[in-house]
Amino acid sequence: MRDWRETALYYFQTRARAGEAAFNGGRVEGEARSYLRNYREARKRMESSLSEYDGKYRLYNTEQLHEGLRLMATGAWR
């Protein structure tokens, strides 16, 4: 859950400072650049831990977490 919270936190910080451009290949400058970097690092950790979790605990439905990551990838999660 820590990875999910960090990913969501950095996602919304990046979105607030850089908008959807940060997720659609737009130019990101200043403070927003560090938030975007933090988001990308947190997302890598989240994807890794979610994959590991899905492998170990197959009875738990993590589809909503996967859907959240899909929406974050385009900046569409609100």
PDB file of N, CA and C in Angstrom:
ATOM      1  N   MET A   1       0.819  -1.193   0.000  1.00  0.00           N
ATOM      2  CA  MET A   1       0.000   0.000   0.000  1.00  0.00           C
ATOM      3  C   MET A   1       0.866   1.262   0.000  1.00  0.00           C
ATOM      4  N   ARG A   2       2.046   1.176   0.588  1.00  0.00           N
ATOM      5  CA  ARG A   2       2.934   2.339   0.608  1.00  0.00           C
ATOM      6  C   ARG A   2       3.251   2.792  -0.817  1.00  0.00           C
ATOM      7  N   ASP A   3       3.531   1.832  -1.687  1.00  0.00           N
ATOM      8  CA  ASP A   3       3.858   2.175  -3.075  1.00  0.00           C
ATOM      9  C   ASP A   3       2.671   2.841  -3.760  1.00  0.00           C
ATOM     10  N   TRP A   4       1.472   2.356  -3.485  1.00  0.00           N
ATOM     11  CA  TRP A   4       0.292   2.954  -4.087  1.00  0.00           C
ATOM     12  C   TRP A   4       0.094   4.392  -3.597  1.00  0.00           C
ATOM     13  N   ARG A   5       0.231   4.604  -2.288  1.00  0.00           N
ATOM     14  CA  ARG A   5       0.053   5.955  -1.740  1.00  0.00           C
ATOM     15  C   ARG A   5       1.076   6.930  -2.314  1.00  0.00           C
ATOM     16  N   GLU A   6       2.339   6.507  -2.400  1.00  0.00           N
ATOM     17  CA  GLU A   6       3.373   7.380  -2.959  1.00  0.00           C
ATOM     18  C   GLU A   6       3.106   7.689  -4.426  1.00  0.00           C
ATOM     19  N   THR A   7       2.713   6.677  -5.182  1.00  0.00           N
ATOM     20  CA  THR A   7       2.438   6.879  -6.600  1.00  0.00           C
ATOM     21  C   THR A   7       1.293   7.874  -6.776  1.00  0.00           C
ATOM     22  N   ALA A   8       0.221   7.691  -6.035  1.00  0.00           N
ATOM     23  CA  ALA A   8      -0.928   8.601  -6.136  1.00  0.00           C
ATOM     24  C   ALA A   8      -0.545  10.009  -5.699  1.00  0.00           C
ATOM     25  N   LEU A   9       0.207  10.138  -4.624  1.00  0.00           N
ATOM     26  CA  LEU A   9       0.630  11.458  -4.139  1.00  0.00           C
ATOM     27  C   LEU A   9       1.443  12.192  -5.201  1.00  0.00           C
ATOM     28  N   TYR A  10       2.457  11.545  -5.735  1.00  0.00           N
ATOM     29  CA  TYR A  10       3.297  12.191  -6.739  1.00  0.00           C
ATOM     30  C   TYR A  10       2.538  12.448  -8.034  1.00  0.00           C
ATOM     31  N   TYR A  11       1.611  11.564  -8.367  1.00  0.00           N
ATOM     32  CA  TYR A  11       0.794  11.778  -9.563  1.00  0.00           C
ATOM     33  C   TYR A  11       0.016  13.086  -9.430  1.00  0.00           C
ATOM     34  N   PHE A  12      -0.686  13.265  -8.321  1.00  0.00           N
ATOM     35  CA  PHE A  12      -1.500  14.466  -8.157  1.00  0.00           C
ATOM     36  C   PHE A  12      -0.652  15.722  -7.987  1.00  0.00           C
ATOM     37  N   GLN A  13       0.501  15.615  -7.354  1.00  0.00           N
ATOM     38  CA  GLN A  13       1.394  16.770  -7.269  1.00  0.00           C
ATOM     39  C   GLN A  13       1.874  17.174  -8.664  1.00  0.00           C
ATOM     40  N   THR A  14       2.242  16.194  -9.467  1.00  0.00           N
ATOM     41  CA  THR A  14       2.694  16.472 -10.829  1.00  0.00           C
ATOM     42  C   THR A  14       1.559  17.066 -11.644  1.00  0.00           C
ATOM     43  N   ARG A  15       0.398  16.483 -11.533  1.00  0.00           N
ATOM     44  CA  ARG A  15      -0.760  16.968 -12.296  1.00  0.00           C
ATOM     45  C   ARG A  15      -1.121  18.400 -11.901  1.00  0.00           C
ATOM     46  N   ALA A  16      -1.017  18.716 -10.619  1.00  0.00           N
ATOM     47  CA  ALA A  16      -1.348  20.063 -10.150  1.00  0.00           C
ATOM     48  C   ALA A  16      -0.344  21.101 -10.659  1.00  0.00           C
ATOM     49  N   ARG A  17       0.912  20.709 -10.806  1.00  0.00           N
ATOM     50  CA  ARG A  17       1.947  21.667 -11.192  1.00  0.00           C
ATOM     51  C   ARG A  17       2.250  21.690 -12.684  1.00  0.00           C
ATOM     52  N   ALA A  18       2.016  20.589 -13.359  1.00  0.00           N
ATOM     53  CA  ALA A  18       2.363  20.518 -14.789  1.00  0.00           C
ATOM     54  C   ALA A  18       1.166  20.203 -15.673  1.00  0.00           C
ATOM     55  N   GLY A  19       0.057  19.791 -15.083  1.00  0.00           N
ATOM     56  CA  GLY A  19      -1.126  19.457 -15.868  1.00  0.00           C
ATOM     57  C   GLY A  19      -0.951  18.155 -16.629  1.00  0.00           C
ATOM     58  N   GLU A  20      -1.846  17.934 -17.547  1.00  0.00           N
ATOM     59  CA  GLU A  20      -1.827  16.703 -18.330  1.00  0.00           C
ATOM     60  C   GLU A  20      -0.626  16.625 -19.262  1.00  0.00           C
ATOM     61  N   ALA A  21      -0.004  17.756 -19.547  1.00  0.00           N
ATOM     62  CA  ALA A  21       1.165  17.767 -20.441  1.00  0.00           C
ATOM     63  C   ALA A  21       2.262  16.848 -19.933  1.00  0.00           C
ATOM     64  N   ALA A  22       2.370  16.709 -18.625  1.00  0.00           N
ATOM     65  CA  ALA A  22       3.408  15.855 -18.041  1.00  0.00           C
ATOM     66  C   ALA A  22       3.225  14.396 -18.434  1.00  0.00           C
ATOM     67  N   PHE A  23       2.005  14.017 -18.765  1.00  0.00           N
ATOM     68  CA  PHE A  23       1.708  12.622 -19.061  1.00  0.00           C
ATOM     69  C   PHE A  23       1.511  12.370 -20.547  1.00  0.00           C
ATOM     70  N   ASN A  24       1.518  13.435 -21.319  1.00  0.00           N
ATOM     71  CA  ASN A  24       1.270  13.317 -22.757  1.00  0.00           C
ATOM     72  C   ASN A  24       2.441  13.824 -23.599  1.00  0.00           C
ATOM     73  N   GLY A  25       3.629  13.766 -23.028  1.00  0.00           N
ATOM     74  CA  GLY A  25       4.818  14.144 -23.786  1.00  0.00           C
ATOM     75  C   GLY A  25       5.087  15.630 -23.862  1.00  0.00           C
ATOM     76  N   GLY A  26       4.359  16.432 -23.095  1.00  0.00           N
ATOM     77  CA  GLY A  26       4.576  17.873 -23.093  1.00  0.00           C
ATOM     78  C   GLY A  26       5.815  18.262 -22.311  1.00  0.00           C
ATOM     79  N   ARG A  27       6.193  19.506 -22.433  1.00  0.00           N
ATOM     80  CA  ARG A  27       7.374  20.021 -21.744  1.00  0.00           C
ATOM     81  C   ARG A  27       7.044  20.322 -20.281  1.00  0.00           C
ATOM     82  N   VAL A  28       7.898  19.845 -19.401  1.00  0.00           N
ATOM     83  CA  VAL A  28       7.725  20.055 -17.967  1.00  0.00           C
ATOM     84  C   VAL A  28       8.964  20.764 -17.452  1.00  0.00           C
ATOM     85  N   GLU A  29       8.758  21.864 -16.742  1.00  0.00           N
ATOM     86  CA  GLU A  29       9.894  22.653 -16.276  1.00  0.00           C
ATOM     87  C   GLU A  29       9.789  22.934 -14.788  1.00  0.00           C
ATOM     88  N   GLY A  30      10.904  23.385 -14.233  1.00  0.00           N
ATOM     89  CA  GLY A  30      10.955  23.832 -12.852  1.00  0.00           C
ATOM     90  C   GLY A  30      10.618  22.761 -11.838  1.00  0.00           C
ATOM     91  N   GLU A  31       9.864  23.194 -10.826  1.00  0.00           N
ATOM     92  CA  GLU A  31       9.484  22.322  -9.719  1.00  0.00           C
ATOM     93  C   GLU A  31       8.733  21.078 -10.194  1.00  0.00           C
ATOM     94  N   ALA A  32       7.923  21.242 -11.221  1.00  0.00           N
ATOM     95  CA  ALA A  32       7.122  20.127 -11.729  1.00  0.00           C
ATOM     96  C   ALA A  32       7.996  18.985 -12.227  1.00  0.00           C
ATOM     97  N   ARG A  33       9.182  19.302 -12.691  1.00  0.00           N
ATOM     98  CA  ARG A  33      10.086  18.267 -13.199  1.00  0.00           C
ATOM     99  C   ARG A  33      10.475  17.281 -12.093  1.00  0.00           C
ATOM    100  N   SER A  34      10.741  17.797 -10.888  1.00  0.00           N
ATOM    101  CA  SER A  34      11.109  16.894  -9.783  1.00  0.00           C
ATOM    102  C   SER A  34       9.910  16.050  -9.348  1.00  0.00           C
ATOM    103  N   TYR A  35       8.717  16.624  -9.384  1.00  0.00           N
ATOM    104  CA  TYR A  35       7.523  15.839  -9.059  1.00  0.00           C
ATOM    105  C   TYR A  35       7.299  14.741 -10.083  1.00  0.00           C
ATOM    106  N   LEU A  36       7.512  15.058 -11.345  1.00  0.00           N
ATOM    107  CA  LEU A  36       7.349  14.059 -12.399  1.00  0.00           C
ATOM    108  C   LEU A  36       8.371  12.934 -12.226  1.00  0.00           C
ATOM    109  N   ARG A  37       9.592  13.285 -11.901  1.00  0.00           N
ATOM    110  CA  ARG A  37      10.630  12.272 -11.666  1.00  0.00           C
ATOM    111  C   ARG A  37      10.234  11.389 -10.481  1.00  0.00           C
ATOM    112  N   ASN A  38       9.770  12.001  -9.396  1.00  0.00           N
ATOM    113  CA  ASN A  38       9.326  11.230  -8.228  1.00  0.00           C
ATOM    114  C   ASN A  38       8.157  10.318  -8.576  1.00  0.00           C
ATOM    115  N   TYR A  39       7.227  10.836  -9.378  1.00  0.00           N
ATOM    116  CA  TYR A  39       6.080  10.016  -9.796  1.00  0.00           C
ATOM    117  C   TYR A  39       6.552   8.805 -10.597  1.00  0.00           C
ATOM    118  N   ARG A  40       7.434   9.022 -11.546  1.00  0.00           N
ATOM    119  CA  ARG A  40       7.906   7.911 -12.382  1.00  0.00           C
ATOM    120  C   ARG A  40       8.640   6.859 -11.564  1.00  0.00           C
ATOM    121  N   GLU A  41       9.439   7.289 -10.598  1.00  0.00           N
ATOM    122  CA  GLU A  41      10.144   6.330  -9.740  1.00  0.00           C
ATOM    123  C   GLU A  41       9.155   5.561  -8.863  1.00  0.00           C
ATOM    124  N   ALA A  42       8.189   6.275  -8.288  1.00  0.00           N
ATOM    125  CA  ALA A  42       7.178   5.614  -7.444  1.00  0.00           C
ATOM    126  C   ALA A  42       6.338   4.647  -8.274  1.00  0.00           C
ATOM    127  N   ARG A  43       6.030   5.033  -9.496  1.00  0.00           N
ATOM    128  CA  ARG A  43       5.234   4.166 -10.369  1.00  0.00           C
ATOM    129  C   ARG A  43       5.977   2.868 -10.677  1.00  0.00           C
ATOM    130  N   LYS A  44       7.283   2.955 -10.920  1.00  0.00           N
ATOM    131  CA  LYS A  44       8.078   1.740 -11.167  1.00  0.00           C
ATOM    132  C   LYS A  44       8.009   0.805  -9.964  1.00  0.00           C
ATOM    133  N   ARG A  45       8.149   1.392  -8.766  1.00  0.00           N
ATOM    134  CA  ARG A  45       8.053   0.565  -7.551  1.00  0.00           C
ATOM    135  C   ARG A  45       6.669  -0.048  -7.425  1.00  0.00           C
ATOM    136  N   MET A  46       5.640   0.739  -7.731  1.00  0.00           N
ATOM    137  CA  MET A  46       4.267   0.249  -7.631  1.00  0.00           C
ATOM    138  C   MET A  46       4.021  -0.883  -8.615  1.00  0.00           C
ATOM    139  N   GLU A  47       4.454  -0.725  -9.848  1.00  0.00           N
ATOM    140  CA  GLU A  47       4.258  -1.772 -10.843  1.00  0.00           C
ATOM    141  C   GLU A  47       4.966  -3.061 -10.434  1.00  0.00           C
ATOM    142  N   SER A  48       6.158  -2.916  -9.884  1.00  0.00           N
ATOM    143  CA  SER A  48       6.916  -4.086  -9.440  1.00  0.00           C
ATOM    144  C   SER A  48       6.226  -4.779  -8.264  1.00  0.00           C
ATOM    145  N   SER A  49       5.833  -4.002  -7.265  1.00  0.00           N
ATOM    146  CA  SER A  49       5.210  -4.618  -6.092  1.00  0.00           C
ATOM    147  C   SER A  49       3.825  -5.178  -6.439  1.00  0.00           C
ATOM    148  N   LEU A  50       3.093  -4.519  -7.339  1.00  0.00           N
ATOM    149  CA  LEU A  50       1.783  -5.034  -7.738  1.00  0.00           C
ATOM    150  C   LEU A  50       1.923  -6.341  -8.500  1.00  0.00           C
ATOM    151  N   SER A  51       2.908  -6.429  -9.354  1.00  0.00           N
ATOM    152  CA  SER A  51       3.160  -7.666 -10.086  1.00  0.00           C
ATOM    153  C   SER A  51       3.506  -8.797  -9.124  1.00  0.00           C
ATOM    154  N   GLU A  52       4.354  -8.494  -8.156  1.00  0.00           N
ATOM    155  CA  GLU A  52       4.733  -9.493  -7.154  1.00  0.00           C
ATOM    156  C   GLU A  52       3.515  -9.907  -6.322  1.00  0.00           C
ATOM    157  N   TYR A  53       2.718  -8.933  -5.937  1.00  0.00           N
ATOM    158  CA  TYR A  53       1.519  -9.198  -5.145  1.00  0.00           C
ATOM    159  C   TYR A  53       0.542 -10.083  -5.920  1.00  0.00           C
ATOM    160  N   ASP A  54       0.328  -9.736  -7.198  1.00  0.00           N
ATOM    161  CA  ASP A  54      -0.581 -10.538  -8.032  1.00  0.00           C
ATOM    162  C   ASP A  54      -0.100 -11.981  -8.141  1.00  0.00           C
ATOM    163  N   GLY A  55       1.203 -12.185  -8.176  1.00  0.00           N
ATOM    164  CA  GLY A  55       1.749 -13.532  -8.266  1.00  0.00           C
ATOM    165  C   GLY A  55       1.589 -14.335  -6.989  1.00  0.00           C
ATOM    166  N   LYS A  56       1.702 -13.671  -5.849  1.00  0.00           N
ATOM    167  CA  LYS A  56       1.625 -14.366  -4.563  1.00  0.00           C
ATOM    168  C   LYS A  56       0.205 -14.549  -4.056  1.00  0.00           C
ATOM    169  N   TYR A  57      -0.640 -13.561  -4.307  1.00  0.00           N
ATOM    170  CA  TYR A  57      -1.987 -13.559  -3.725  1.00  0.00           C
ATOM    171  C   TYR A  57      -3.025 -13.523  -4.842  1.00  0.00           C
ATOM    172  N   ARG A  58      -3.169 -14.600  -5.530  1.00  0.00           N
ATOM    173  CA  ARG A  58      -4.030 -14.651  -6.718  1.00  0.00           C
ATOM    174  C   ARG A  58      -5.514 -14.541  -6.410  1.00  0.00           C
ATOM    175  N   LEU A  59      -5.901 -14.769  -5.167  1.00  0.00           N
ATOM    176  CA  LEU A  59      -7.316 -14.709  -4.824  1.00  0.00           C
ATOM    177  C   LEU A  59      -7.822 -13.276  -4.673  1.00  0.00           C
ATOM    178  N   TYR A  60      -6.912 -12.327  -4.511  1.00  0.00           N
ATOM    179  CA  TYR A  60      -7.304 -10.933  -4.314  1.00  0.00           C
ATOM    180  C   TYR A  60      -7.435 -10.232  -5.657  1.00  0.00           C
ATOM    181  N   ASN A  61      -8.496  -9.471  -5.803  1.00  0.00           N
ATOM    182  CA  ASN A  61      -8.756  -8.745  -7.041  1.00  0.00           C
ATOM    183  C   ASN A  61      -8.063  -7.373  -6.974  1.00  0.00           C
ATOM    184  N   THR A  62      -7.078  -7.181  -7.839  1.00  0.00           N
ATOM    185  CA  THR A  62      -6.343  -5.912  -7.871  1.00  0.00           C
ATOM    186  C   THR A  62      -6.647  -5.139  -9.154  1.00  0.00           C
ATOM    187  N   GLU A  63      -7.744  -5.476  -9.804  1.00  0.00           N
ATOM    188  CA  GLU A  63      -8.083  -4.825 -11.076  1.00  0.00           C
ATOM    189  C   GLU A  63      -8.228  -3.309 -10.932  1.00  0.00           C
ATOM    190  N   GLN A  64      -8.779  -2.839  -9.822  1.00  0.00           N
ATOM    191  CA  GLN A  64      -8.940  -1.395  -9.629  1.00  0.00           C
ATOM    192  C   GLN A  64      -7.585  -0.696  -9.517  1.00  0.00           C
ATOM    193  N   LEU A  65      -6.619  -1.346  -8.907  1.00  0.00           N
ATOM    194  CA  LEU A  65      -5.270  -0.778  -8.848  1.00  0.00           C
ATOM    195  C   LEU A  65      -4.661  -0.692 -10.245  1.00  0.00           C
ATOM    196  N   HIS A  66      -4.846  -1.741 -11.024  1.00  0.00           N
ATOM    197  CA  HIS A  66      -4.343  -1.740 -12.397  1.00  0.00           C
ATOM    198  C   HIS A  66      -5.041  -0.653 -13.224  1.00  0.00           C
ATOM    199  N   GLU A  67      -6.328  -0.494 -13.020  1.00  0.00           N
ATOM    200  CA  GLU A  67      -7.081   0.541 -13.738  1.00  0.00           C
ATOM    201  C   GLU A  67      -6.578   1.934 -13.350  1.00  0.00           C
ATOM    202  N   GLY A  68      -6.301   2.142 -12.076  1.00  0.00           N
ATOM    203  CA  GLY A  68      -5.743   3.422 -11.636  1.00  0.00           C
ATOM    204  C   GLY A  68      -4.423   3.728 -12.323  1.00  0.00           C
ATOM    205  N   LEU A  69      -3.568   2.732 -12.443  1.00  0.00           N
ATOM    206  CA  LEU A  69      -2.284   2.931 -13.131  1.00  0.00           C
ATOM    207  C   LEU A  69      -2.490   3.239 -14.608  1.00  0.00           C
ATOM    208  N   ARG A  70      -3.466   2.583 -15.224  1.00  0.00           N
ATOM    209  CA  ARG A  70      -3.751   2.869 -16.641  1.00  0.00           C
ATOM    210  C   ARG A  70      -4.212   4.313 -16.822  1.00  0.00           C
ATOM    211  N   LEU A  71      -5.068   4.782 -15.936  1.00  0.00           N
ATOM    212  CA  LEU A  71      -5.551   6.158 -16.020  1.00  0.00           C
ATOM    213  C   LEU A  71      -4.442   7.166 -15.721  1.00  0.00           C
ATOM    214  N   MET A  72      -3.583   6.840 -14.782  1.00  0.00           N
ATOM    215  CA  MET A  72      -2.464   7.736 -14.466  1.00  0.00           C
ATOM    216  C   MET A  72      -1.523   7.902 -15.646  1.00  0.00           C
ATOM    217  N   ALA A  73      -1.345   6.854 -16.409  1.00  0.00           N
ATOM    218  CA  ALA A  73      -0.393   6.884 -17.527  1.00  0.00           C
ATOM    219  C   ALA A  73      -0.716   7.992 -18.523  1.00  0.00           C
ATOM    220  N   THR A  74      -1.977   8.363 -18.633  1.00  0.00           N
ATOM    221  CA  THR A  74      -2.370   9.410 -19.583  1.00  0.00           C
ATOM    222  C   THR A  74      -2.738  10.715 -18.900  1.00  0.00           C
ATOM    223  N   GLY A  75      -2.701  10.734 -17.575  1.00  0.00           N
ATOM    224  CA  GLY A  75      -3.090  11.938 -16.844  1.00  0.00           C
ATOM    225  C   GLY A  75      -4.599  12.069 -16.701  1.00  0.00           C
ATOM    226  N   ALA A  76      -5.334  10.992 -16.981  1.00  0.00           N
ATOM    227  CA  ALA A  76      -6.789  11.044 -16.974  1.00  0.00           C
ATOM    228  C   ALA A  76      -7.420  10.780 -15.610  1.00  0.00           C
ATOM    229  N   TRP A  77      -6.611  10.276 -14.672  1.00  0.00           N
ATOM    230  CA  TRP A  77      -7.194   9.977 -13.351  1.00  0.00           C
ATOM    231  C   TRP A  77      -7.434  11.293 -12.619  1.00  0.00           C
ATOM    232  N   ARG A  78      -8.617  11.487 -12.112  1.00  0.00           N
ATOM    233  CA  ARG A  78      -8.946  12.766 -11.459  1.00  0.00           C
ATOM    234  C   ARG A  78      -9.341  12.578 -10.042  1.00  0.00           C
TER     235      ARG A  78
END
